[in-house]
C-alpha atoms as a PDB file:
ATOM      1  CA  UNK A   1       3.040  14.926 -16.116  1.00  0.00           C
ATOM      2  CA  UNK A   2       1.035  15.074 -12.890  1.00  0.00           C
ATOM      3  CA  UNK A   3      -0.916  18.004 -11.457  1.00  0.00           C
ATOM      4  CA  UNK A   4       1.356  20.593  -9.836  1.00  0.00           C
ATOM      5  CA  UNK A   5       2.243  20.450  -6.160  1.00  0.00           C
ATOM      6  CA  UNK A   6       0.359  23.677  -5.472  1.00  0.00           C
ATOM      7  CA  UNK A   7      -1.615  22.336  -2.544  1.00  0.00           C
ATOM      8  CA  UNK A   8      -3.837  19.255  -2.073  1.00  0.00           C
ATOM      9  CA  UNK A   9      -5.311  17.623  -5.179  1.00  0.00           C
ATOM     10  CA  UNK A  10      -9.060  16.937  -5.153  1.00  0.00           C
ATOM     11  CA  UNK A  11     -11.662  15.922  -7.722  1.00  0.00           C
ATOM     12  CA  UNK A  12     -14.770  17.947  -8.506  1.00  0.00           C
ATOM     13  CA  UNK A  13     -17.585  17.286 -10.950  1.00  0.00           C
ATOM     14  CA  UNK A  14     -17.253  20.569 -12.881  1.00  0.00           C
ATOM     15  CA  UNK A  15     -14.045  22.579 -13.166  1.00  0.00           C
ATOM     16  CA  UNK A  16     -15.929  25.600 -14.525  1.00  0.00           C
ATOM     17  CA  UNK A  17     -18.081  25.854 -11.381  1.00  0.00           C
ATOM     18  CA  UNK A  18     -16.306  23.689  -8.797  1.00  0.00           C
ATOM     19  CA  UNK A  19     -18.037  22.494  -5.652  1.00  0.00           C
ATOM     20  CA  UNK A  20     -16.243  20.267  -3.173  1.00  0.00           C
ATOM     21  CA  UNK A  21     -18.007  17.105  -2.042  1.00  0.00           C
ATOM     22  CA  UNK A  22     -18.914  17.212   1.639  1.00  0.00           C
ATOM     23  CA  UNK A  23     -16.329  14.605   2.651  1.00  0.00           C
ATOM     24  CA  UNK A  24     -13.574  16.345   0.663  1.00  0.00           C
ATOM     25  CA  UNK A  25     -14.421  19.730   2.130  1.00  0.00           C
ATOM     26  CA  UNK A  26     -14.344  18.413   5.687  1.00  0.00           C
ATOM     27  CA  UNK A  27     -11.067  16.579   5.062  1.00  0.00           C
ATOM     28  CA  UNK A  28      -9.423  19.730   3.706  1.00  0.00           C
ATOM     29  CA  UNK A  29     -10.832  22.010   6.411  1.00  0.00           C
ATOM     30  CA  UNK A  30     -10.427  19.702   9.415  1.00  0.00           C
ATOM     31  CA  UNK A  31      -7.642  17.202   8.664  1.00  0.00           C
ATOM     32  CA  UNK A  32      -5.532  19.362   6.330  1.00  0.00           C
ATOM     33  CA  UNK A  33      -6.470  22.612   8.155  1.00  0.00           C
ATOM     34  CA  UNK A  34      -6.784  24.664   4.971  1.00  0.00           C
ATOM     35  CA  UNK A  35      -7.885  28.255   5.351  1.00  0.00           C
ATOM     36  CA  UNK A  36      -9.526  30.606   2.895  1.00  0.00           C
ATOM     37  CA  UNK A  37      -7.042  31.516   0.173  1.00  0.00           C
ATOM     38  CA  UNK A  38      -4.799  28.466   0.642  1.00  0.00           C
ATOM     39  CA  UNK A  39      -3.750  26.824  -2.657  1.00  0.00           C
ATOM     40  CA  UNK A  40      -5.163  23.560  -3.923  1.00  0.00           C
ATOM     41  CA  UNK A  41      -5.474  21.805  -7.283  1.00  0.00           C
ATOM     42  CA  UNK A  42      -8.785  20.632  -8.726  1.00  0.00           C
ATOM     43  CA  UNK A  43      -9.195  17.767 -11.194  1.00  0.00           C
ATOM     44  CA  UNK A  44     -12.143  16.283 -13.035  1.00  0.00           C
ATOM     45  CA  UNK A  45     -10.900  12.690 -13.310  1.00  0.00           C
ATOM     46  CA  UNK A  46     -10.726  12.762 -17.110  1.00  0.00           C
ATOM     47  CA  UNK A  47      -7.356  14.430 -17.553  1.00  0.00           C
ATOM     48  CA  UNK A  48      -8.084  18.085 -16.758  1.00  0.00           C
ATOM     49  CA  UNK A  49      -6.834  20.019 -13.727  1.00  0.00           C
ATOM     50  CA  UNK A  50      -6.509  23.634 -12.600  1.00  0.00           C
ATOM     51  CA  UNK A  51      -4.908  25.634  -9.778  1.00  0.00           C
ATOM     52  CA  UNK A  52      -7.406  27.051  -7.285  1.00  0.00           C
ATOM     53  CA  UNK A  53      -7.789  28.698  -3.881  1.00  0.00           C
ATOM     54  CA  UNK A  54      -9.660  27.195  -0.972  1.00  0.00           C
ATOM     55  CA  UNK A  55     -12.823  29.170  -0.231  1.00  0.00           C
ATOM     56  CA  UNK A  56     -15.262  27.127   1.810  1.00  0.00           C
ATOM     57  CA  UNK A  57     -17.037  24.530  -0.339  1.00  0.00           C
ATOM     58  CA  UNK A  58     -16.719  26.522  -3.579  1.00  0.00           C
ATOM     59  CA  UNK A  59     -13.030  27.007  -4.461  1.00  0.00           C
ATOM     60  CA  UNK A  60     -11.895  29.989  -6.539  1.00  0.00           C
ATOM     61  CA  UNK A  61     -10.045  29.238  -9.772  1.00  0.00           C
ATOM     62  CA  UNK A  62      -6.502  30.622  -9.903  1.00  0.00           C
ATOM     63  CA  UNK A  63      -5.179  29.569 -13.302  1.00  0.00           C
ATOM     64  CA  UNK A  64      -5.923  28.029 -16.664  1.00  0.00           C
ATOM     65  CA  UNK A  65      -7.172  24.487 -17.105  1.00  0.00           C
ATOM     66  CA  UNK A  66      -4.425  22.032 -18.114  1.00  0.00           C
ATOM     67  CA  UNK A  67      -5.208  18.832 -20.026  1.00  0.00           C
ATOM     68  CA  UNK A  68      -3.083  15.716 -19.749  1.00  0.00           C
ATOM     69  CA  UNK A  69      -3.885  13.172 -22.503  1.00  0.00           C
ATOM     70  CA  UNK A  70      -4.097   9.514 -21.648  1.00  0.00           C
ATOM     71  CA  UNK A  71      -1.040   7.408 -22.519  1.00  0.00           C
ATOM     72  CA  UNK A  72      -1.249   5.989 -26.031  1.00  0.00           C
ATOM     73  CA  UNK A  73      -1.145   2.413 -24.714  1.00  0.00           C
ATOM     74  CA  UNK A  74      -3.686   1.545 -22.021  1.00  0.00           C
ATOM     75  CA  UNK A  75      -2.550  -0.989 -19.426  1.00  0.00           C
ATOM     76  CA  UNK A  76      -4.914  -3.184 -17.417  1.00  0.00           C
ATOM     77  CA  UNK A  77      -4.865  -5.748 -14.616  1.00  0.00           C
ATOM     78  CA  UNK A  78      -7.557  -8.315 -13.923  1.00  0.00           C
ATOM     79  CA  UNK A  79      -7.485  -9.992 -10.523  1.00  0.00           C
ATOM     80  CA  UNK A  80      -9.544 -12.819  -9.064  1.00  0.00           C
ATOM     81  CA  UNK A  81     -11.692 -11.765  -6.137  1.00  0.00           C
ATOM     82  CA  UNK A  82     -10.061 -12.477  -2.787  1.00  0.00           C
ATOM     83  CA  UNK A  83     -11.098 -12.275   0.855  1.00  0.00           C
ATOM     84  CA  UNK A  84     -11.265  -9.330   3.220  1.00  0.00           C
ATOM     85  CA  UNK A  85      -9.870  -5.939   2.266  1.00  0.00           C
ATOM     86  CA  UNK A  86      -7.398  -7.341  -0.273  1.00  0.00           C
ATOM     87  CA  UNK A  87      -9.389  -6.182  -3.337  1.00  0.00           C
ATOM     88  CA  UNK A  88      -9.321  -2.630  -1.943  1.00  0.00           C
ATOM     89  CA  UNK A  89      -5.555  -2.871  -1.390  1.00  0.00           C
ATOM     90  CA  UNK A  90      -5.028  -4.079  -4.962  1.00  0.00           C
ATOM     91  CA  UNK A  91      -7.182  -1.293  -6.422  1.00  0.00           C
ATOM     92  CA  UNK A  92      -5.443   1.335  -4.300  1.00  0.00           C
ATOM     93  CA  UNK A  93      -1.966   0.318  -5.452  1.00  0.00           C
ATOM     94  CA  UNK A  94      -2.943  -0.252  -9.092  1.00  0.00           C
ATOM     95  CA  UNK A  95      -4.436   3.242  -9.160  1.00  0.00           C
ATOM     96  CA  UNK A  96      -1.278   4.759  -7.688  1.00  0.00           C
ATOM     97  CA  UNK A  97       0.750   2.964 -10.367  1.00  0.00           C
ATOM     98  CA  UNK A  98      -1.319   4.458 -13.176  1.00  0.00           C
ATOM     99  CA  UNK A  99      -3.123   1.327 -14.387  1.00  0.00           C
ATOM    100  CA  UNK A 100      -5.906   2.453 -16.729  1.00  0.00           C
ATOM    101  CA  UNK A 101      -8.383  -0.389 -16.309  1.00  0.00           C
ATOM    102  CA  UNK A 102      -8.965  -2.724 -13.369  1.00  0.00           C
ATOM    103  CA  UNK A 103     -11.021  -5.856 -14.006  1.00  0.00           C
ATOM    104  CA  UNK A 104     -12.042  -7.952 -10.958  1.00  0.00           C
ATOM    105  CA  UNK A 105     -13.297 -11.402 -11.888  1.00  0.00           C
ATOM    106  CA  UNK A 106     -14.500 -14.657 -10.370  1.00  0.00           C
ATOM    107  CA  UNK A 107     -12.171 -17.609 -10.899  1.00  0.00           C
ATOM    108  CA  UNK A 108     -13.140 -21.250 -10.417  1.00  0.00           C
ATOM    109  CA  UNK A 109     -11.351 -21.377  -7.042  1.00  0.00           C
ATOM    110  CA  UNK A 110     -12.362 -17.917  -5.843  1.00  0.00           C
ATOM    111  CA  UNK A 111     -13.562 -18.084  -2.251  1.00  0.00           C
ATOM    112  CA  UNK A 112     -15.376 -14.752  -2.589  1.00  0.00           C
ATOM    113  CA  UNK A 113     -18.429 -14.407  -4.835  1.00  0.00           C
ATOM    114  CA  UNK A 114     -20.071 -11.061  -5.534  1.00  0.00           C
ATOM    115  CA  UNK A 115     -23.660 -11.604  -6.639  1.00  0.00           C
ATOM    116  CA  UNK A 116     -26.513  -9.146  -7.199  1.00  0.00           C
ATOM    117  CA  UNK A 117     -26.555  -6.256  -4.747  1.00  0.00           C
ATOM    118  CA  UNK A 118     -23.215  -7.291  -3.291  1.00  0.00           C
ATOM    119  CA  UNK A 119     -21.613  -6.828  -6.705  1.00  0.00           C
ATOM    120  CA  UNK A 120     -22.928  -3.278  -7.030  1.00  0.00           C
ATOM    121  CA  UNK A 121     -21.892  -2.432  -3.460  1.00  0.00           C
ATOM    122  CA  UNK A 122     -18.445  -3.930  -3.967  1.00  0.00           C
ATOM    123  CA  UNK A 123     -17.852  -2.049  -7.192  1.00  0.00           C
ATOM    124  CA  UNK A 124     -18.925   1.243  -5.584  1.00  0.00           C
ATOM    125  CA  UNK A 125     -16.463   0.602  -2.763  1.00  0.00           C
ATOM    126  CA  UNK A 126     -13.623  -0.094  -5.207  1.00  0.00           C
ATOM    127  CA  UNK A 127     -14.464   3.066  -7.168  1.00  0.00           C
ATOM    128  CA  UNK A 128     -14.280   5.083  -3.948  1.00  0.00           C
ATOM    129  CA  UNK A 129     -10.894   3.551  -3.105  1.00  0.00           C
ATOM    130  CA  UNK A 130      -9.641   4.369  -6.614  1.00  0.00           C
ATOM    131  CA  UNK A 131     -10.830   7.987  -6.323  1.00  0.00           C
ATOM    132  CA  UNK A 132      -9.024   8.464  -3.002  1.00  0.00           C
ATOM    133  CA  UNK A 133      -5.854   6.821  -4.327  1.00  0.00           C
ATOM    134  CA  UNK A 134      -5.902   8.970  -7.473  1.00  0.00           C
ATOM    135  CA  UNK A 135      -6.133  12.147  -5.390  1.00  0.00           C
ATOM    136  CA  UNK A 136      -3.311  10.987  -3.109  1.00  0.00           C
ATOM    137  CA  UNK A 137      -1.068  10.131  -6.064  1.00  0.00           C
ATOM    138  CA  UNK A 138      -2.115  13.268  -8.001  1.00  0.00           C
ATOM    139  CA  UNK A 139      -3.329  11.236 -10.944  1.00  0.00           C
ATOM    140  CA  UNK A 140      -5.427  13.300 -13.410  1.00  0.00           C
ATOM    141  CA  UNK A 141      -7.217  10.271 -14.893  1.00  0.00           C
ATOM    142  CA  UNK A 142      -9.392   7.990 -12.776  1.00  0.00           C
ATOM    143  CA  UNK A 143      -9.024   4.321 -13.686  1.00  0.00           C
ATOM    144  CA  UNK A 144     -11.980   2.383 -15.045  1.00  0.00           C
ATOM    145  CA  UNK A 145     -13.211  -0.140 -12.482  1.00  0.00           C
ATOM    146  CA  UNK A 146     -15.040  -2.749 -14.525  1.00  0.00           C
ATOM    147  CA  UNK A 147     -17.980  -4.773 -13.176  1.00  0.00           C
ATOM    148  CA  UNK A 148     -17.102  -8.196 -11.806  1.00  0.00           C
ATOM    149  CA  UNK A 149     -16.932 -10.712 -14.660  1.00  0.00           C
ATOM    150  CA  UNK A 150     -16.075 -14.364 -15.210  1.00  0.00           C
ATOM    151  CA  UNK A 151     -12.626 -15.664 -16.108  1.00  0.00           C
ATOM    152  CA  UNK A 152     -13.885 -16.505 -19.581  1.00  0.00           C
ATOM    153  CA  UNK A 153     -15.051 -12.930 -20.127  1.00  0.00           C
ATOM    154  CA  UNK A 154     -11.792 -11.297 -19.053  1.00  0.00           C
ATOM    155  CA  UNK A 155      -9.534 -13.848 -20.739  1.00  0.00           C
ATOM    156  CA  UNK A 156     -11.359 -13.154 -23.993  1.00  0.00           C
ATOM    157  CA  UNK A 157     -10.443  -9.481 -23.947  1.00  0.00           C
ATOM    158  CA  UNK A 158      -7.905  -8.246 -26.535  1.00  0.00           C
ATOM    159  CA  UNK A 159      -4.340  -8.324 -25.216  1.00  0.00           C
ATOM    160  CA  UNK A 160      -5.123 -10.595 -22.260  1.00  0.00           C
ATOM    161  CA  UNK A 161      -2.527 -12.913 -20.773  1.00  0.00           C
ATOM    162  CA  UNK A 162      -2.469 -15.115 -17.678  1.00  0.00           C
ATOM    163  CA  UNK A 163       0.179 -14.835 -14.964  1.00  0.00           C
ATOM    164  CA  UNK A 164       1.772 -18.068 -13.784  1.00  0.00           C
ATOM    165  CA  UNK A 165       5.204 -19.184 -12.579  1.00  0.00           C
ATOM    166  CA  UNK A 166       5.769 -21.194 -15.747  1.00  0.00           C
ATOM    167  CA  UNK A 167       5.198 -18.177 -17.976  1.00  0.00           C
ATOM    168  CA  UNK A 168       7.591 -16.217 -20.131  1.00  0.00           C
ATOM    169  CA  UNK A 169       8.639 -12.581 -19.786  1.00  0.00           C
ATOM    170  CA  UNK A 170       5.868  -9.953 -19.668  1.00  0.00           C
ATOM    171  CA  UNK A 171       5.381  -7.861 -22.788  1.00  0.00           C
ATOM    172  CA  UNK A 172       3.423  -4.755 -23.721  1.00  0.00           C
ATOM    173  CA  UNK A 173       2.026  -6.844 -26.559  1.00  0.00           C
ATOM    174  CA  UNK A 174      -0.216  -8.271 -23.815  1.00  0.00           C
ATOM    175  CA  UNK A 175      -1.213  -5.213 -21.751  1.00  0.00           C
ATOM    176  CA  UNK A 176      -3.960  -6.975 -19.743  1.00  0.00           C
ATOM    177  CA  UNK A 177      -2.460  -9.301 -17.120  1.00  0.00           C
ATOM    178  CA  UNK A 178      -4.797 -11.671 -15.253  1.00  0.00           C
ATOM    179  CA  UNK A 179      -3.783 -12.890 -11.799  1.00  0.00           C
ATOM    180  CA  UNK A 180      -5.406 -15.797  -9.982  1.00  0.00           C
ATOM    181  CA  UNK A 181      -7.095 -16.486  -6.618  1.00  0.00           C
ATOM    182  CA  UNK A 182      -5.648 -17.834  -3.363  1.00  0.00           C
ATOM    183  CA  UNK A 183      -6.211 -21.419  -4.511  1.00  0.00           C
ATOM    184  CA  UNK A 184      -4.539 -20.962  -7.880  1.00  0.00           C
ATOM    185  CA  UNK A 185      -5.879 -21.625 -11.372  1.00  0.00           C
ATOM    186  CA  UNK A 186      -8.023 -24.685 -12.051  1.00  0.00           C
ATOM    187  CA  UNK A 187      -7.476 -27.103 -14.954  1.00  0.00           C
ATOM    188  CA  UNK A 188      -9.849 -25.304 -17.336  1.00  0.00           C
ATOM    189  CA  UNK A 189      -8.202 -21.941 -16.662  1.00  0.00           C
ATOM    190  CA  UNK A 190      -4.761 -23.469 -17.125  1.00  0.00           C
ATOM    191  CA  UNK A 191      -5.900 -24.829 -20.478  1.00  0.00           C
ATOM    192  CA  UNK A 192      -7.348 -21.513 -21.678  1.00  0.00           C
ATOM    193  CA  UNK A 193      -5.971 -20.309 -24.994  1.00  0.00           C
ATOM    194  CA  UNK A 194      -4.224 -17.183 -23.684  1.00  0.00           C
ATOM    195  CA  UNK A 195      -0.506 -16.339 -23.461  1.00  0.00           C
ATOM    196  CA  UNK A 196       1.148 -17.099 -20.124  1.00  0.00           C
ATOM    197  CA  UNK A 197       3.630 -14.705 -18.512  1.00  0.00           C
ATOM    198  CA  UNK A 198       5.600 -14.887 -15.275  1.00  0.00           C
ATOM    199  CA  UNK A 199       5.847 -12.324 -12.481  1.00  0.00           C
ATOM    200  CA  UNK A 200       8.120 -14.110  -9.999  1.00  0.00           C
ATOM    201  CA  UNK A 201       9.992 -17.356  -9.472  1.00  0.00           C
ATOM    202  CA  UNK A 202       8.193 -17.790  -6.158  1.00  0.00           C
ATOM    203  CA  UNK A 203       4.548 -18.191  -5.199  1.00  0.00           C
ATOM    204  CA  UNK A 204       2.941 -14.776  -4.707  1.00  0.00           C
ATOM    205  CA  UNK A 205      -0.092 -13.977  -2.642  1.00  0.00           C
ATOM    206  CA  UNK A 206      -3.070 -13.103  -4.826  1.00  0.00           C
ATOM    207  CA  UNK A 207      -3.006  -9.395  -3.987  1.00  0.00           C
ATOM    208  CA  UNK A 208       0.792  -9.255  -4.401  1.00  0.00           C
ATOM    209  CA  UNK A 209       0.525 -10.772  -7.869  1.00  0.00           C
ATOM    210  CA  UNK A 210      -2.025  -8.146  -8.938  1.00  0.00           C
ATOM    211  CA  UNK A 211       0.189  -5.316  -7.700  1.00  0.00           C
ATOM    212  CA  UNK A 212       3.287  -6.878  -9.290  1.00  0.00           C
ATOM    213  CA  UNK A 213       1.438  -7.030 -12.618  1.00  0.00           C
ATOM    214  CA  UNK A 214       0.695  -3.310 -12.353  1.00  0.00           C
ATOM    215  CA  UNK A 215       4.302  -2.493 -11.482  1.00  0.00           C
ATOM    216  CA  UNK A 216       5.641  -4.436 -14.465  1.00  0.00           C
ATOM    217  CA  UNK A 217       3.197  -2.926 -16.962  1.00  0.00           C
ATOM    218  CA  UNK A 218       3.632   0.634 -15.689  1.00  0.00           C
ATOM    219  CA  UNK A 219       7.430   0.384 -15.671  1.00  0.00           C
ATOM    220  CA  UNK A 220       7.562  -1.030 -19.210  1.00  0.00           C
ATOM    221  CA  UNK A 221       5.180   1.609 -20.537  1.00  0.00           C
ATOM    222  CA  UNK A 222       7.213   4.394 -18.940  1.00  0.00           C
ATOM    223  CA  UNK A 223      10.434   2.990 -20.413  1.00  0.00           C
ATOM    224  CA  UNK A 224      11.878   2.424 -16.930  1.00  0.00           C
ATOM    225  CA  UNK A 225      12.519  -1.239 -17.727  1.00  0.00           C
ATOM    226  CA  UNK A 226      12.848  -2.832 -21.131  1.00  0.00           C
ATOM    227  CA  UNK A 227      10.827  -5.904 -22.140  1.00  0.00           C
ATOM    228  CA  UNK A 228      12.940  -9.025 -22.626  1.00  0.00           C
ATOM    229  CA  UNK A 229      14.170  -9.776 -26.090  1.00  0.00           C
END
């Protein structure tokens, strides 16, 4: 279940006393041209949402709060950092797909390295992208954007598997899929003691592989496709 289509969906910090963030208020008033009394839906990012009416920066509640529990099985994608705006694209699409946890990491052949202040700035940017994507896709739960880690840290997480062309069919028994950088996995990563699954017979771009992993996991969890075997 997703929040109703009763107007734009926007996150606020407190559903009991909602106040729109400045950027959200200006987007609704200027870009969406909402007027006082127009319907909208407010969410808190942790599963709760409520119908409301636009009224300047402090919307008026117009219904009871609805709670949508998280799915029983959490799905996650870890992707190696890549150049340019590709991490933002991956986070945007993984959020739209309903992935619960997104784990960027540094692989041996990663061209991009987030260190110190750059790591904090990069994570804040990805969290902002996820928030915007969740509002667009009317997703009541914000995904967890984990701090940048090493391959060893993410591959040691419960349920982790590594995506590669030589891998077997994906399975919900391994709900954390790790996808590699532009240069591919190095010998140590290839030798890591984690299950290997496949996403395509061809060579995928790094950002495409991350999105494909999210599509596969989300579709299997929703029962839209059945795992092999």
